[in-house]
């Protein structure tokens, strides 16, 4: 444990970069270490704070960001570990759902679009790193290649973007964000699971209640790893299979 601690680079206390941001980047590198990826406990907060010459409040500010991103799990009395149940994809060639489908030769269209300003629930607030009750733009879309619903999206956007309910959401979403708001999605932290369709989802997708659907939850981040969007997708399992390509490290 102390071997890892002694190898940690020191912070630059004279830098214009805030100390908690320097700590955050150090912790991101620490997460990649094989020992910690396998679930070993992080060094104790008091030891990390001493190593870097910072207060524990500064350290906890950095840790909290990574906890909110589901990269770390912190439990009182047992310490901090790397989260073992996460899928994080680095989207070097980010494309919207529309463009992704176009590359497959499929032309999707919106069957329904609803947009409104709502108060962030606790779940939405946590994923967007805002306060519960803050006003956010909520976008709902049902999409398909014909007149039968195939996929349903729910998206909540961080208030700092300033996305307007007056936008033309027939335009691919990430084109709007990039061209008009200079917001570029770079990272996607994703959770995938099969669920039984609720009455609401089954009605929306025109399937039987409790029929299996693929639920995909993701937090989309910009280049600075700041949340842009919290998105929940429901895919009909008779239309979609989600595949992941993984390269083996040699």
Protein backbone atom coordinates (compact mmCIF):
# COMPACT_ATOMS: atom_id res chain seq x y z
CA UNK A 1 0.00 0.00 0.00
CA UNK A 2 2.71 2.47 0.98
CA UNK A 3 4.71 1.46 -2.10
CA UNK A 4 1.91 2.93 -4.22
CA UNK A 5 1.72 5.97 -1.96
CA UNK A 6 5.42 6.77 -2.26
CA UNK A 7 5.27 6.57 -6.05
CA UNK A 8 2.50 9.16 -6.35
CA UNK A 9 3.74 12.41 -7.96
CA UNK A 10 3.63 15.45 -5.72
CA UNK A 11 1.21 18.29 -6.45
CA UNK A 12 2.26 21.68 -7.77
CA UNK A 13 0.97 24.05 -5.12
CA UNK A 14 2.05 27.04 -7.23
CA UNK A 15 0.09 25.94 -10.29
CA UNK A 16 -2.99 27.78 -11.54
CA UNK A 17 -4.72 24.39 -11.69
CA UNK A 18 -6.78 23.96 -8.49
CA UNK A 19 -5.42 21.37 -6.09
CA UNK A 20 -8.60 19.29 -6.17
CA UNK A 21 -8.33 19.06 -9.98
CA UNK A 22 -4.71 17.93 -9.70
CA UNK A 23 -5.78 15.30 -7.16
CA UNK A 24 -8.62 14.19 -9.43
CA UNK A 25 -6.22 13.54 -12.29
CA UNK A 26 -3.82 11.67 -9.99
CA UNK A 27 -6.65 9.45 -8.79
CA UNK A 28 -7.74 8.76 -12.37
CA UNK A 29 -4.23 7.45 -13.06
CA UNK A 30 -4.28 5.42 -9.85
CA UNK A 31 -7.54 3.77 -10.92
CA UNK A 32 -5.75 2.35 -13.97
CA UNK A 33 -3.15 0.51 -11.87
CA UNK A 34 -3.73 -3.28 -12.06
CA UNK A 35 -3.73 -3.64 -8.26
CA UNK A 36 -6.56 -1.19 -7.82
CA UNK A 37 -8.49 -2.43 -10.84
CA UNK A 38 -8.57 -5.80 -9.08
CA UNK A 39 -10.30 -4.26 -6.07
CA UNK A 40 -7.48 -3.39 -3.67
CA UNK A 41 -8.31 -0.61 -1.24
CA UNK A 42 -7.00 2.86 -2.04
CA UNK A 43 -4.52 4.36 0.47
CA UNK A 44 -6.24 5.95 3.46
CA UNK A 45 -7.47 9.54 3.05
CA UNK A 46 -5.24 10.77 5.87
CA UNK A 47 -2.17 9.25 4.15
CA UNK A 48 -3.06 10.67 0.74
CA UNK A 49 -3.70 14.12 2.22
CA UNK A 50 -0.33 13.98 4.01
CA UNK A 51 1.48 12.82 0.86
CA UNK A 52 0.09 15.71 -1.17
CA UNK A 53 0.12 18.34 1.58
CA UNK A 54 -3.58 19.10 1.28
CA UNK A 55 -6.62 19.10 3.51
CA UNK A 56 -8.89 16.07 3.64
CA UNK A 57 -11.74 18.29 2.42
CA UNK A 58 -9.78 19.01 -0.77
CA UNK A 59 -9.11 15.30 -1.21
CA UNK A 60 -12.75 14.39 -0.61
CA UNK A 61 -13.85 16.96 -3.21
CA UNK A 62 -11.83 15.09 -5.85
CA UNK A 63 -12.96 11.66 -4.67
CA UNK A 64 -16.61 12.77 -4.73
CA UNK A 65 -16.34 13.61 -8.44
CA UNK A 66 -15.08 10.11 -9.24
CA UNK A 67 -17.73 8.54 -7.02
CA UNK A 68 -20.41 10.49 -8.92
CA UNK A 69 -18.95 9.15 -12.17
CA UNK A 70 -19.22 5.61 -10.75
CA UNK A 71 -15.46 5.14 -11.05
CA UNK A 72 -14.96 4.80 -7.30
CA UNK A 73 -17.01 3.30 -4.49
CA UNK A 74 -16.59 4.80 -1.03
CA UNK A 75 -18.02 3.03 2.01
CA UNK A 76 -17.84 4.38 5.53
CA UNK A 77 -15.63 2.18 7.67
CA UNK A 78 -14.22 0.14 4.77
CA UNK A 79 -12.46 2.72 2.59
CA UNK A 80 -12.45 3.53 -1.13
CA UNK A 81 -12.19 1.03 -3.98
CA UNK A 82 -12.41 1.11 -7.76
CA UNK A 83 -15.93 0.31 -8.95
CA UNK A 84 -16.01 -3.20 -10.39
CA UNK A 85 -19.40 -2.95 -12.09
CA UNK A 86 -19.05 -0.34 -14.79
CA UNK A 87 -18.68 -0.02 -18.53
CA UNK A 88 -16.84 3.10 -19.69
CA UNK A 89 -16.31 3.61 -23.41
CA UNK A 90 -13.91 6.15 -24.89
CA UNK A 91 -15.78 7.41 -27.96
CA UNK A 92 -12.99 8.68 -30.20
CA UNK A 93 -15.37 8.63 -33.16
CA UNK A 94 -18.49 9.89 -31.46
CA UNK A 95 -21.63 9.81 -33.56
CA UNK A 96 -25.28 10.30 -32.80
CA UNK A 97 -27.78 7.45 -32.94
CA UNK A 98 -28.98 8.86 -36.26
CA UNK A 99 -25.51 8.76 -37.82
CA UNK A 100 -24.81 5.35 -36.34
CA UNK A 101 -27.91 3.96 -38.00
CA UNK A 102 -27.18 5.78 -41.26
CA UNK A 103 -23.81 4.03 -41.40
CA UNK A 104 -25.76 0.76 -41.37
CA UNK A 105 -27.97 1.97 -44.17
CA UNK A 106 -30.97 2.58 -41.89
CA UNK A 107 -32.90 5.83 -41.92
CA UNK A 108 -34.53 6.43 -38.55
CA UNK A 109 -37.20 9.01 -37.91
CA UNK A 110 -38.90 10.46 -34.86
CA UNK A 111 -42.36 9.05 -34.25
CA UNK A 112 -42.84 11.35 -31.27
CA UNK A 113 -40.88 14.14 -29.62
CA UNK A 114 -41.66 15.80 -26.31
CA UNK A 115 -39.49 18.43 -24.68
CA UNK A 116 -40.03 20.32 -21.44
CA UNK A 117 -38.25 21.88 -18.49
CA UNK A 118 -38.47 19.75 -15.33
CA UNK A 119 -36.98 19.68 -11.85
CA UNK A 120 -34.11 17.22 -11.50
CA UNK A 121 -34.87 14.13 -9.43
CA UNK A 122 -32.25 12.81 -7.01
CA UNK A 123 -31.08 10.28 -9.63
CA UNK A 124 -30.80 12.87 -12.39
CA UNK A 125 -29.08 15.35 -10.07
CA UNK A 126 -26.49 12.77 -9.03
CA UNK A 127 -25.63 11.83 -12.61
CA UNK A 128 -25.44 15.44 -13.84
CA UNK A 129 -23.65 16.58 -10.65
CA UNK A 130 -26.21 19.28 -9.91
CA UNK A 131 -28.62 19.95 -7.06
CA UNK A 132 -31.86 18.03 -6.73
CA UNK A 133 -34.67 20.29 -7.90
CA UNK A 134 -32.52 22.25 -10.38
CA UNK A 135 -34.35 22.91 -13.64
CA UNK A 136 -33.16 20.77 -16.57
CA UNK A 137 -34.29 20.21 -20.13
CA UNK A 138 -36.01 16.82 -20.52
CA UNK A 139 -36.25 15.34 -24.01
CA UNK A 140 -38.33 12.24 -24.87
CA UNK A 141 -38.18 10.63 -28.30
CA UNK A 142 -39.64 7.48 -29.83
CA UNK A 143 -37.86 6.44 -33.02
CA UNK A 144 -38.12 3.85 -35.77
CA UNK A 145 -37.45 3.10 -39.44
CA UNK A 146 -41.18 2.68 -40.05
CA UNK A 147 -44.36 3.42 -38.11
CA UNK A 148 -43.77 0.80 -35.41
CA UNK A 149 -41.74 2.06 -32.38
CA UNK A 150 -38.30 0.49 -32.07
CA UNK A 151 -36.47 2.55 -29.46
CA UNK A 152 -37.43 5.11 -26.82
CA UNK A 153 -35.04 7.74 -25.43
CA UNK A 154 -35.19 9.91 -22.30
CA UNK A 155 -32.50 12.59 -22.03
CA UNK A 156 -31.73 15.15 -19.32
CA UNK A 157 -29.25 17.93 -20.10
CA UNK A 158 -26.97 19.87 -17.78
CA UNK A 159 -28.29 23.43 -17.24
CA UNK A 160 -24.92 25.01 -18.07
CA UNK A 161 -25.33 24.07 -21.74
CA UNK A 162 -28.34 26.32 -22.15
CA UNK A 163 -30.13 23.96 -24.53
CA UNK A 164 -33.48 25.43 -25.51
CA UNK A 165 -36.86 23.74 -25.80
CA UNK A 166 -37.22 25.63 -29.09
CA UNK A 167 -34.49 23.57 -30.80
CA UNK A 168 -35.29 21.54 -33.89
CA UNK A 169 -34.80 18.04 -32.50
CA UNK A 170 -35.20 16.53 -35.96
CA UNK A 171 -31.54 17.50 -36.31
CA UNK A 172 -29.13 14.92 -34.77
CA UNK A 173 -28.71 15.87 -31.13
CA UNK A 174 -24.92 16.02 -31.04
CA UNK A 175 -24.85 18.22 -34.13
CA UNK A 176 -26.97 20.73 -32.20
CA UNK A 177 -24.68 20.57 -29.18
CA UNK A 178 -21.50 20.89 -31.23
CA UNK A 179 -22.53 23.43 -33.84
CA UNK A 180 -24.64 25.75 -31.70
CA UNK A 181 -23.37 25.31 -28.15
CA UNK A 182 -19.73 24.27 -28.75
CA UNK A 183 -20.25 21.21 -26.57
CA UNK A 184 -18.43 18.09 -27.77
CA UNK A 185 -19.35 14.70 -26.27
CA UNK A 186 -16.21 12.60 -25.75
CA UNK A 187 -16.85 9.99 -23.04
CA UNK A 188 -19.80 7.75 -22.30
CA UNK A 189 -20.18 5.90 -19.00
CA UNK A 190 -22.71 3.16 -19.62
CA UNK A 191 -24.79 0.57 -17.84
CA UNK A 192 -26.62 -2.12 -19.80
CA UNK A 193 -29.17 -4.61 -18.55
CA UNK A 194 -32.25 -6.53 -19.62
CA UNK A 195 -35.46 -5.53 -17.84
CA UNK A 196 -39.13 -6.42 -17.97
CA UNK A 197 -41.03 -3.66 -19.73
CA UNK A 198 -43.17 -1.59 -17.39
CA UNK A 199 -46.67 -0.60 -18.43
CA UNK A 200 -45.38 2.83 -19.49
CA UNK A 201 -42.51 1.43 -21.59
CA UNK A 202 -44.65 -1.34 -23.09
CA UNK A 203 -47.28 1.22 -24.12
CA UNK A 204 -44.63 3.48 -25.64
CA UNK A 205 -42.94 0.69 -27.60
CA UNK A 206 -46.22 -1.11 -28.35
CA UNK A 207 -45.13 -4.40 -26.85
CA UNK A 208 -46.53 -6.69 -24.17
CA UNK A 209 -46.06 -5.67 -20.53
CA UNK A 210 -43.10 -7.52 -18.93
CA UNK A 211 -41.63 -8.34 -22.34
CA UNK A 212 -37.80 -8.13 -22.13
CA UNK A 213 -36.24 -4.88 -23.33
CA UNK A 214 -32.65 -3.66 -23.26
CA UNK A 215 -32.17 -0.70 -20.94
CA UNK A 216 -29.09 1.41 -21.58
CA UNK A 217 -28.26 4.16 -19.12
CA UNK A 218 -25.39 6.49 -19.79
CA UNK A 219 -23.78 9.69 -18.63
CA UNK A 220 -22.22 11.61 -21.51
CA UNK A 221 -19.18 13.74 -20.66
CA UNK A 222 -17.24 16.47 -22.47
CA UNK A 223 -13.46 16.73 -22.93
CA UNK A 224 -13.07 17.91 -19.32
CA UNK A 225 -15.18 14.95 -18.13
CA UNK A 226 -18.01 17.25 -17.11
CA UNK A 227 -21.50 15.77 -17.49
CA UNK A 228 -23.50 16.88 -20.52
CA UNK A 229 -26.39 14.45 -20.65
CA UNK A 230 -27.98 11.71 -18.58
CA UNK A 231 -29.66 9.39 -21.06
CA UNK A 232 -31.88 6.32 -20.68
CA UNK A 233 -32.66 4.22 -23.77
CA UNK A 234 -35.12 1.37 -24.09
CA UNK A 235 -34.54 -0.93 -27.07
CA UNK A 236 -36.96 -3.56 -28.30
CA UNK A 237 -35.11 -6.86 -28.07
CA UNK A 238 -36.63 -8.12 -31.31
CA UNK A 239 -34.82 -5.33 -33.14
CA UNK A 240 -31.58 -4.61 -31.29
CA UNK A 241 -28.51 -6.49 -30.12
CA UNK A 242 -25.79 -4.48 -28.40
CA UNK A 243 -22.26 -5.66 -29.20
CA UNK A 244 -18.94 -4.58 -27.73
CA UNK A 245 -15.52 -5.12 -29.31
CA UNK A 246 -12.71 -5.56 -26.79
CA UNK A 247 -9.03 -5.63 -27.73
CA UNK A 248 -6.85 -8.02 -25.75
CA UNK A 249 -3.76 -6.49 -24.18
CA UNK A 250 -0.69 -8.51 -25.17
